[in-house]
Amino acid sequence: MGLKYDVVLVLSCKPNADGTQTGYAKSRLEKAFQIYAVGETNRIALSGIDSDKMIGYLLEKGIIKESISMENYSLNTVGNALFSGRFLI
């Protein structure tokens, strides 16, 4: 059986003042991890200016860096859509 999802797109959230991930970010990242862990995808894409702060969470969970794509230009949901299109092709 093939993959269920070509890629899982995770929109970033601004971290807490101390640099830790917010509950929203953790929830999004955890769901992406679960989908990856059960073999329903082999790619996760992070989108948003704070993506570089979210990648560590996935690496700590054991996802290999080559399975993670990232764009850190978008500042809002419209930007997420514009800059993330390349992950969906």
PDB file of N, CA and C in Angstrom:
ATOM      1  N   MET A   1       0.843  -1.186   0.000  1.00  0.00           N
ATOM      2  CA  MET A   1       0.000   0.000   0.000  1.00  0.00           C
ATOM      3  C   MET A   1       0.882   1.241   0.000  1.00  0.00           C
ATOM      4  N   GLY A   2       0.485   2.261  -0.771  1.00  0.00           N
ATOM      5  CA  GLY A   2       1.249   3.498  -0.862  1.00  0.00           C
ATOM      6  C   GLY A   2       1.006   4.411   0.323  1.00  0.00           C
ATOM      7  N   LEU A   3       1.666   5.534   0.276  1.00  0.00           N
ATOM      8  CA  LEU A   3       1.504   6.530   1.328  1.00  0.00           C
ATOM      9  C   LEU A   3       0.119   7.156   1.240  1.00  0.00           C
ATOM     10  N   LYS A   4      -0.435   7.477   2.376  1.00  0.00           N
ATOM     11  CA  LYS A   4      -1.754   8.118   2.420  1.00  0.00           C
ATOM     12  C   LYS A   4      -1.638   9.602   2.077  1.00  0.00           C
ATOM     13  N   TYR A   5      -0.530  10.225   2.490  1.00  0.00           N
ATOM     14  CA  TYR A   5      -0.315  11.657   2.268  1.00  0.00           C
ATOM     15  C   TYR A   5       1.035  11.872   1.598  1.00  0.00           C
ATOM     16  N   ASP A   6       1.078  12.718   0.563  1.00  0.00           N
ATOM     17  CA  ASP A   6       2.347  13.054  -0.075  1.00  0.00           C
ATOM     18  C   ASP A   6       3.234  13.869   0.864  1.00  0.00           C
ATOM     19  N   VAL A   7       2.603  14.769   1.599  1.00  0.00           N
ATOM     20  CA  VAL A   7       3.317  15.623   2.545  1.00  0.00           C
ATOM     21  C   VAL A   7       2.330  16.107   3.607  1.00  0.00           C
ATOM     22  N   VAL A   8       2.831  16.313   4.818  1.00  0.00           N
ATOM     23  CA  VAL A   8       2.028  16.922   5.880  1.00  0.00           C
ATOM     24  C   VAL A   8       2.574  18.328   6.085  1.00  0.00           C
ATOM     25  N   LEU A   9       1.726  19.321   5.909  1.00  0.00           N
ATOM     26  CA  LEU A   9       2.119  20.724   6.039  1.00  0.00           C
ATOM     27  C   LEU A   9       1.758  21.225   7.426  1.00  0.00           C
ATOM     28  N   VAL A  10       2.754  21.732   8.140  1.00  0.00           N
ATOM     29  CA  VAL A  10       2.559  22.249   9.497  1.00  0.00           C
ATOM     30  C   VAL A  10       2.809  23.750   9.473  1.00  0.00           C
ATOM     31  N   LEU A  11       1.792  24.528   9.813  1.00  0.00           N
ATOM     32  CA  LEU A  11       1.940  25.980   9.874  1.00  0.00           C
ATOM     33  C   LEU A  11       2.568  26.361  11.211  1.00  0.00           C
ATOM     34  N   SER A  12       3.505  27.295  11.152  1.00  0.00           N
ATOM     35  CA  SER A  12       4.230  27.652  12.372  1.00  0.00           C
ATOM     36  C   SER A  12       3.405  28.542  13.289  1.00  0.00           C
ATOM     37  N   CYS A  13       3.843  28.596  14.519  1.00  0.00           N
ATOM     38  CA  CYS A  13       3.274  29.468  15.550  1.00  0.00           C
ATOM     39  C   CYS A  13       4.429  30.183  16.226  1.00  0.00           C
ATOM     40  N   LYS A  14       4.201  31.411  16.596  1.00  0.00           N
ATOM     41  CA  LYS A  14       5.226  32.141  17.347  1.00  0.00           C
ATOM     42  C   LYS A  14       5.453  31.418  18.669  1.00  0.00           C
ATOM     43  N   PRO A  15       6.727  31.151  19.031  1.00  0.00           N
ATOM     44  CA  PRO A  15       6.995  30.451  20.290  1.00  0.00           C
ATOM     45  C   PRO A  15       6.704  31.326  21.508  1.00  0.00           C
ATOM     46  N   ASN A  16       6.673  30.679  22.658  1.00  0.00           N
ATOM     47  CA  ASN A  16       6.539  31.412  23.917  1.00  0.00           C
ATOM     48  C   ASN A  16       7.744  32.326  24.102  1.00  0.00           C
ATOM     49  N   ALA A  17       7.625  33.276  25.016  1.00  0.00           N
ATOM     50  CA  ALA A  17       8.706  34.233  25.264  1.00  0.00           C
ATOM     51  C   ALA A  17      10.020  33.542  25.649  1.00  0.00           C
ATOM     52  N   ASP A  18       9.930  32.375  26.288  1.00  0.00           N
ATOM     53  CA  ASP A  18      11.144  31.660  26.694  1.00  0.00           C
ATOM     54  C   ASP A  18      11.695  30.746  25.592  1.00  0.00           C
ATOM     55  N   GLY A  19      11.056  30.791  24.396  1.00  0.00           N
ATOM     56  CA  GLY A  19      11.537  30.005  23.270  1.00  0.00           C
ATOM     57  C   GLY A  19      10.921  28.632  23.130  1.00  0.00           C
ATOM     58  N   THR A  20      10.135  28.213  24.113  1.00  0.00           N
ATOM     59  CA  THR A  20       9.488  26.902  24.022  1.00  0.00           C
ATOM     60  C   THR A  20       8.284  26.982  23.084  1.00  0.00           C
ATOM     61  N   GLN A  21       7.862  25.828  22.602  1.00  0.00           N
ATOM     62  CA  GLN A  21       6.719  25.781  21.691  1.00  0.00           C
ATOM     63  C   GLN A  21       5.409  25.980  22.456  1.00  0.00           C
ATOM     64  N   THR A  22       4.479  26.683  21.833  1.00  0.00           N
ATOM     65  CA  THR A  22       3.162  26.868  22.432  1.00  0.00           C
ATOM     66  C   THR A  22       2.380  25.562  22.343  1.00  0.00           C
ATOM     67  N   GLY A  23       1.282  25.491  23.031  1.00  0.00           N
ATOM     68  CA  GLY A  23       0.420  24.317  22.952  1.00  0.00           C
ATOM     69  C   GLY A  23      -0.080  24.079  21.535  1.00  0.00           C
ATOM     70  N   TYR A  24      -0.386  25.158  20.822  1.00  0.00           N
ATOM     71  CA  TYR A  24      -0.832  25.033  19.429  1.00  0.00           C
ATOM     72  C   TYR A  24       0.257  24.393  18.574  1.00  0.00           C
ATOM     73  N   ALA A  25       1.469  24.897  18.699  1.00  0.00           N
ATOM     74  CA  ALA A  25       2.582  24.370  17.903  1.00  0.00           C
ATOM     75  C   ALA A  25       2.841  22.912  18.246  1.00  0.00           C
ATOM     76  N   LYS A  26       2.864  22.589  19.523  1.00  0.00           N
ATOM     77  CA  LYS A  26       3.098  21.197  19.930  1.00  0.00           C
ATOM     78  C   LYS A  26       2.025  20.269  19.376  1.00  0.00           C
ATOM     79  N   SER A  27       0.793  20.726  19.397  1.00  0.00           N
ATOM     80  CA  SER A  27      -0.313  19.919  18.882  1.00  0.00           C
ATOM     81  C   SER A  27      -0.141  19.656  17.387  1.00  0.00           C
ATOM     82  N   ARG A  28       0.198  20.685  16.639  1.00  0.00           N
ATOM     83  CA  ARG A  28       0.409  20.537  15.191  1.00  0.00           C
ATOM     84  C   ARG A  28       1.582  19.611  14.899  1.00  0.00           C
ATOM     85  N   LEU A  29       2.669  19.817  15.615  1.00  0.00           N
ATOM     86  CA  LEU A  29       3.870  18.998  15.403  1.00  0.00           C
ATOM     87  C   LEU A  29       3.636  17.551  15.805  1.00  0.00           C
ATOM     88  N   GLU A  30       2.933  17.346  16.891  1.00  0.00           N
ATOM     89  CA  GLU A  30       2.665  15.994  17.359  1.00  0.00           C
ATOM     90  C   GLU A  30       1.783  15.239  16.359  1.00  0.00           C
ATOM     91  N   LYS A  31       0.791  15.904  15.792  1.00  0.00           N
ATOM     92  CA  LYS A  31      -0.068  15.262  14.804  1.00  0.00           C
ATOM     93  C   LYS A  31       0.754  14.883  13.563  1.00  0.00           C
ATOM     94  N   ALA A  32       1.615  15.780  13.113  1.00  0.00           N
ATOM     95  CA  ALA A  32       2.479  15.484  11.964  1.00  0.00           C
ATOM     96  C   ALA A  32       3.386  14.306  12.277  1.00  0.00           C
ATOM     97  N   PHE A  33       3.933  14.280  13.485  1.00  0.00           N
ATOM     98  CA  PHE A  33       4.789  13.165  13.892  1.00  0.00           C
ATOM     99  C   PHE A  33       4.021  11.848  13.880  1.00  0.00           C
ATOM    100  N   GLN A  34       2.815  11.852  14.406  1.00  0.00           N
ATOM    101  CA  GLN A  34       2.004  10.629  14.451  1.00  0.00           C
ATOM    102  C   GLN A  34       1.730  10.091  13.051  1.00  0.00           C
ATOM    103  N   ILE A  35       1.407  10.975  12.130  1.00  0.00           N
ATOM    104  CA  ILE A  35       1.151  10.563  10.743  1.00  0.00           C
ATOM    105  C   ILE A  35       2.418   9.969  10.132  1.00  0.00           C
ATOM    106  N   TYR A  36       3.551  10.587  10.404  1.00  0.00           N
ATOM    107  CA  TYR A  36       4.838  10.099   9.911  1.00  0.00           C
ATOM    108  C   TYR A  36       5.185   8.750  10.549  1.00  0.00           C
ATOM    109  N   ALA A  37       4.986   8.658  11.848  1.00  0.00           N
ATOM    110  CA  ALA A  37       5.387   7.464  12.608  1.00  0.00           C
ATOM    111  C   ALA A  37       4.639   6.205  12.178  1.00  0.00           C
ATOM    112  N   VAL A  38       3.394   6.352  11.750  1.00  0.00           N
ATOM    113  CA  VAL A  38       2.630   5.176  11.317  1.00  0.00           C
ATOM    114  C   VAL A  38       2.805   4.895   9.822  1.00  0.00           C
ATOM    115  N   GLY A  39       3.678   5.656   9.177  1.00  0.00           N
ATOM    116  CA  GLY A  39       4.006   5.403   7.783  1.00  0.00           C
ATOM    117  C   GLY A  39       3.022   5.946   6.765  1.00  0.00           C
ATOM    118  N   GLU A  40       2.189   6.906   7.175  1.00  0.00           N
ATOM    119  CA  GLU A  40       1.220   7.466   6.236  1.00  0.00           C
ATOM    120  C   GLU A  40       1.810   8.586   5.380  1.00  0.00           C
ATOM    121  N   THR A  41       3.001   9.050   5.721  1.00  0.00           N
ATOM    122  CA  THR A  41       3.742  10.015   4.920  1.00  0.00           C
ATOM    123  C   THR A  41       5.228   9.815   5.182  1.00  0.00           C
ATOM    124  N   ASN A  42       6.033  10.314   4.281  1.00  0.00           N
ATOM    125  CA  ASN A  42       7.474  10.296   4.519  1.00  0.00           C
ATOM    126  C   ASN A  42       8.060  11.700   4.400  1.00  0.00           C
ATOM    127  N   ARG A  43       7.160  12.706   4.353  1.00  0.00           N
ATOM    128  CA  ARG A  43       7.602  14.096   4.262  1.00  0.00           C
ATOM    129  C   ARG A  43       6.745  14.996   5.154  1.00  0.00           C
ATOM    130  N   ILE A  44       7.428  15.878   5.851  1.00  0.00           N
ATOM    131  CA  ILE A  44       6.759  16.909   6.641  1.00  0.00           C
ATOM    132  C   ILE A  44       7.327  18.243   6.191  1.00  0.00           C
ATOM    133  N   ALA A  45       6.454  19.209   5.945  1.00  0.00           N
ATOM    134  CA  ALA A  45       6.865  20.546   5.547  1.00  0.00           C
ATOM    135  C   ALA A  45       6.439  21.536   6.625  1.00  0.00           C
ATOM    136  N   LEU A  46       7.371  22.357   7.052  1.00  0.00           N
ATOM    137  CA  LEU A  46       7.094  23.401   8.037  1.00  0.00           C
ATOM    138  C   LEU A  46       7.001  24.729   7.299  1.00  0.00           C
ATOM    139  N   SER A  47       5.996  25.520   7.607  1.00  0.00           N
ATOM    140  CA  SER A  47       5.778  26.771   6.898  1.00  0.00           C
ATOM    141  C   SER A  47       5.587  27.914   7.884  1.00  0.00           C
ATOM    142  N   GLY A  48       6.374  28.965   7.702  1.00  0.00           N
ATOM    143  CA  GLY A  48       6.224  30.165   8.511  1.00  0.00           C
ATOM    144  C   GLY A  48       7.540  30.653   9.072  1.00  0.00           C
ATOM    145  N   ILE A  49       7.540  31.893   9.476  1.00  0.00           N
ATOM    146  CA  ILE A  49       8.773  32.548   9.918  1.00  0.00           C
ATOM    147  C   ILE A  49       9.408  31.872  11.136  1.00  0.00           C
ATOM    148  N   ASP A  50       8.623  31.172  11.914  1.00  0.00           N
ATOM    149  CA  ASP A  50       9.158  30.500  13.100  1.00  0.00           C
ATOM    150  C   ASP A  50       9.401  29.008  12.890  1.00  0.00           C
ATOM    151  N   SER A  51       9.411  28.564  11.632  1.00  0.00           N
ATOM    152  CA  SER A  51       9.637  27.148  11.328  1.00  0.00           C
ATOM    153  C   SER A  51      10.977  26.650  11.854  1.00  0.00           C
ATOM    154  N   ASP A  52      11.987  27.514  11.788  1.00  0.00           N
ATOM    155  CA  ASP A  52      13.318  27.094  12.242  1.00  0.00           C
ATOM    156  C   ASP A  52      13.329  26.776  13.738  1.00  0.00           C
ATOM    157  N   LYS A  53      12.363  27.300  14.471  1.00  0.00           N
ATOM    158  CA  LYS A  53      12.268  27.004  15.901  1.00  0.00           C
ATOM    159  C   LYS A  53      11.463  25.723  16.157  1.00  0.00           C
ATOM    160  N   MET A  54      10.760  25.229  15.122  1.00  0.00           N
ATOM    161  CA  MET A  54       9.917  24.046  15.275  1.00  0.00           C
ATOM    162  C   MET A  54      10.618  22.758  14.833  1.00  0.00           C
ATOM    163  N   ILE A  55      11.609  22.880  13.984  1.00  0.00           N
ATOM    164  CA  ILE A  55      12.247  21.697  13.417  1.00  0.00           C
ATOM    165  C   ILE A  55      12.890  20.813  14.488  1.00  0.00           C
ATOM    166  N   GLY A  56      13.431  21.423  15.528  1.00  0.00           N
ATOM    167  CA  GLY A  56      14.076  20.670  16.602  1.00  0.00           C
ATOM    168  C   GLY A  56      13.141  19.670  17.262  1.00  0.00           C
ATOM    169  N   TYR A  57      11.881  20.030  17.390  1.00  0.00           N
ATOM    170  CA  TYR A  57      10.892  19.138  17.997  1.00  0.00           C
ATOM    171  C   TYR A  57      10.792  17.842  17.207  1.00  0.00           C
ATOM    172  N   LEU A  58      10.731  17.966  15.882  1.00  0.00           N
ATOM    173  CA  LEU A  58      10.606  16.784  15.028  1.00  0.00           C
ATOM    174  C   LEU A  58      11.893  15.962  15.013  1.00  0.00           C
ATOM    175  N   LEU A  59      13.037  16.634  15.013  1.00  0.00           N
ATOM    176  CA  LEU A  59      14.314  15.916  15.041  1.00  0.00           C
ATOM    177  C   LEU A  59      14.473  15.145  16.347  1.00  0.00           C
ATOM    178  N   GLU A  60      14.055  15.753  17.451  1.00  0.00           N
ATOM    179  CA  GLU A  60      14.120  15.071  18.750  1.00  0.00           C
ATOM    180  C   GLU A  60      13.208  13.851  18.790  1.00  0.00           C
ATOM    181  N   LYS A  61      12.137  13.865  18.009  1.00  0.00           N
ATOM    182  CA  LYS A  61      11.220  12.735  17.940  1.00  0.00           C
ATOM    183  C   LYS A  61      11.771  11.609  17.066  1.00  0.00           C
ATOM    184  N   GLY A  62      12.874  11.879  16.366  1.00  0.00           N
ATOM    185  CA  GLY A  62      13.493  10.846  15.546  1.00  0.00           C
ATOM    186  C   GLY A  62      13.233  10.944  14.061  1.00  0.00           C
ATOM    187  N   ILE A  63      12.583  11.998  13.617  1.00  0.00           N
ATOM    188  CA  ILE A  63      12.358  12.170  12.184  1.00  0.00           C
ATOM    189  C   ILE A  63      13.675  12.635  11.552  1.00  0.00           C
ATOM    190  N   ILE A  64      14.064  11.983  10.466  1.00  0.00           N
ATOM    191  CA  ILE A  64      15.334  12.339   9.838  1.00  0.00           C
ATOM    192  C   ILE A  64      15.210  13.674   9.112  1.00  0.00           C
ATOM    193  N   LYS A  65      16.290  14.439   9.146  1.00  0.00           N
ATOM    194  CA  LYS A  65      16.288  15.792   8.587  1.00  0.00           C
ATOM    195  C   LYS A  65      15.892  15.808   7.116  1.00  0.00           C
ATOM    196  N   GLU A  66      16.271  14.773   6.379  1.00  0.00           N
ATOM    197  CA  GLU A  66      15.965  14.711   4.950  1.00  0.00           C
ATOM    198  C   GLU A  66      14.465  14.579   4.679  1.00  0.00           C
ATOM    199  N   SER A  67      13.697  14.222   5.683  1.00  0.00           N
ATOM    200  CA  SER A  67      12.245  14.091   5.533  1.00  0.00           C
ATOM    201  C   SER A  67      11.509  15.392   5.855  1.00  0.00           C
ATOM    202  N   ILE A  68      12.256  16.416   6.269  1.00  0.00           N
ATOM    203  CA  ILE A  68      11.643  17.680   6.680  1.00  0.00           C
ATOM    204  C   ILE A  68      12.051  18.788   5.715  1.00  0.00           C
ATOM    205  N   SER A  69      11.050  19.467   5.163  1.00  0.00           N
ATOM    206  CA  SER A  69      11.273  20.651   4.336  1.00  0.00           C
ATOM    207  C   SER A  69      10.800  21.853   5.138  1.00  0.00           C
ATOM    208  N   MET A  70      11.325  23.021   4.784  1.00  0.00           N
ATOM    209  CA  MET A  70      10.971  24.188   5.579  1.00  0.00           C
ATOM    210  C   MET A  70      11.022  25.441   4.725  1.00  0.00           C
ATOM    211  N   GLU A  71      10.082  26.327   4.943  1.00  0.00           N
ATOM    212  CA  GLU A  71      10.150  27.686   4.410  1.00  0.00           C
ATOM    213  C   GLU A  71       9.911  28.617   5.590  1.00  0.00           C
ATOM    214  N   ASN A  72      10.695  29.663   5.657  1.00  0.00           N
ATOM    215  CA  ASN A  72      10.558  30.587   6.790  1.00  0.00           C
ATOM    216  C   ASN A  72      10.395  32.039   6.335  1.00  0.00           C
ATOM    217  N   TYR A  73       9.655  32.213   5.251  1.00  0.00           N
ATOM    218  CA  TYR A  73       9.396  33.553   4.725  1.00  0.00           C
ATOM    219  C   TYR A  73       8.013  34.073   5.077  1.00  0.00           C
ATOM    220  N   SER A  74       7.037  33.180   5.174  1.00  0.00           N
ATOM    221  CA  SER A  74       5.664  33.641   5.355  1.00  0.00           C
ATOM    222  C   SER A  74       5.433  34.204   6.753  1.00  0.00           C
ATOM    223  N   LEU A  75       4.640  35.260   6.777  1.00  0.00           N
ATOM    224  CA  LEU A  75       4.327  35.954   8.024  1.00  0.00           C
ATOM    225  C   LEU A  75       2.878  35.730   8.458  1.00  0.00           C
ATOM    226  N   ASN A  76       2.077  35.137   7.556  1.00  0.00           N
ATOM    227  CA  ASN A  76       0.661  34.918   7.853  1.00  0.00           C
ATOM    228  C   ASN A  76       0.140  33.756   7.004  1.00  0.00           C
ATOM    229  N   THR A  77      -1.133  33.473   7.116  1.00  0.00           N
ATOM    230  CA  THR A  77      -1.710  32.321   6.426  1.00  0.00           C
ATOM    231  C   THR A  77      -1.647  32.474   4.911  1.00  0.00           C
ATOM    232  N   VAL A  78      -1.838  33.685   4.409  1.00  0.00           N
ATOM    233  CA  VAL A  78      -1.732  33.914   2.968  1.00  0.00           C
ATOM    234  C   VAL A  78      -0.307  33.593   2.513  1.00  0.00           C
ATOM    235  N   GLY A  79       0.674  34.039   3.266  1.00  0.00           N
ATOM    236  CA  GLY A  79       2.060  33.726   2.955  1.00  0.00           C
ATOM    237  C   GLY A  79       2.339  32.239   3.023  1.00  0.00           C
ATOM    238  N   ASN A  80       1.747  31.559   4.008  1.00  0.00           N
ATOM    239  CA  ASN A  80       1.894  30.106   4.095  1.00  0.00           C
ATOM    240  C   ASN A  80       1.445  29.458   2.791  1.00  0.00           C
ATOM    241  N   ALA A  81       0.311  29.889   2.272  1.00  0.00           N
ATOM    242  CA  ALA A  81      -0.223  29.317   1.029  1.00  0.00           C
ATOM    243  C   ALA A  81       0.696  29.620  -0.150  1.00  0.00           C
ATOM    244  N   LEU A  82       1.182  30.842  -0.246  1.00  0.00           N
ATOM    245  CA  LEU A  82       2.046  31.228  -1.363  1.00  0.00           C
ATOM    246  C   LEU A  82       3.394  30.505  -1.338  1.00  0.00           C
ATOM    247  N   PHE A  83       4.036  30.486  -0.200  1.00  0.00           N
ATOM    248  CA  PHE A  83       5.384  29.946  -0.114  1.00  0.00           C
ATOM    249  C   PHE A  83       5.434  28.417   0.044  1.00  0.00           C
ATOM    250  N   SER A  84       4.321  27.814   0.410  1.00  0.00           N
ATOM    251  CA  SER A  84       4.305  26.359   0.638  1.00  0.00           C
ATOM    252  C   SER A  84       3.880  25.563  -0.591  1.00  0.00           C
ATOM    253  N   GLY A  85       3.434  26.233  -1.618  1.00  0.00           N
ATOM    254  CA  GLY A  85       2.987  25.547  -2.820  1.00  0.00           C
ATOM    255  C   GLY A  85       4.035  24.601  -3.391  1.00  0.00           C
ATOM    256  N   ARG A  86       5.296  24.942  -3.275  1.00  0.00           N
ATOM    257  CA  ARG A  86       6.358  24.108  -3.834  1.00  0.00           C
ATOM    258  C   ARG A  86       6.438  22.747  -3.133  1.00  0.00           C
ATOM    259  N   PHE A  87       5.958  22.636  -1.914  1.00  0.00           N
ATOM    260  CA  PHE A  87       5.981  21.369  -1.202  1.00  0.00           C
ATOM    261  C   PHE A  87       4.890  20.422  -1.707  1.00  0.00           C
ATOM    262  N   LEU A  88       3.889  20.987  -2.343  1.00  0.00           N
ATOM    263  CA  LEU A  88       2.721  20.215  -2.729  1.00  0.00           C
ATOM    264  C   LEU A  88       2.776  19.701  -4.160  1.00  0.00           C
ATOM    265  N   ILE A  89       3.815  20.035  -4.855  1.00  0.00           N
ATOM    266  CA  ILE A  89       3.963  19.600  -6.267  1.00  0.00           C
ATOM    267  C   ILE A  89       4.746  18.312  -6.329  1.00  0.00           C
TER     268      ILE A  89
END
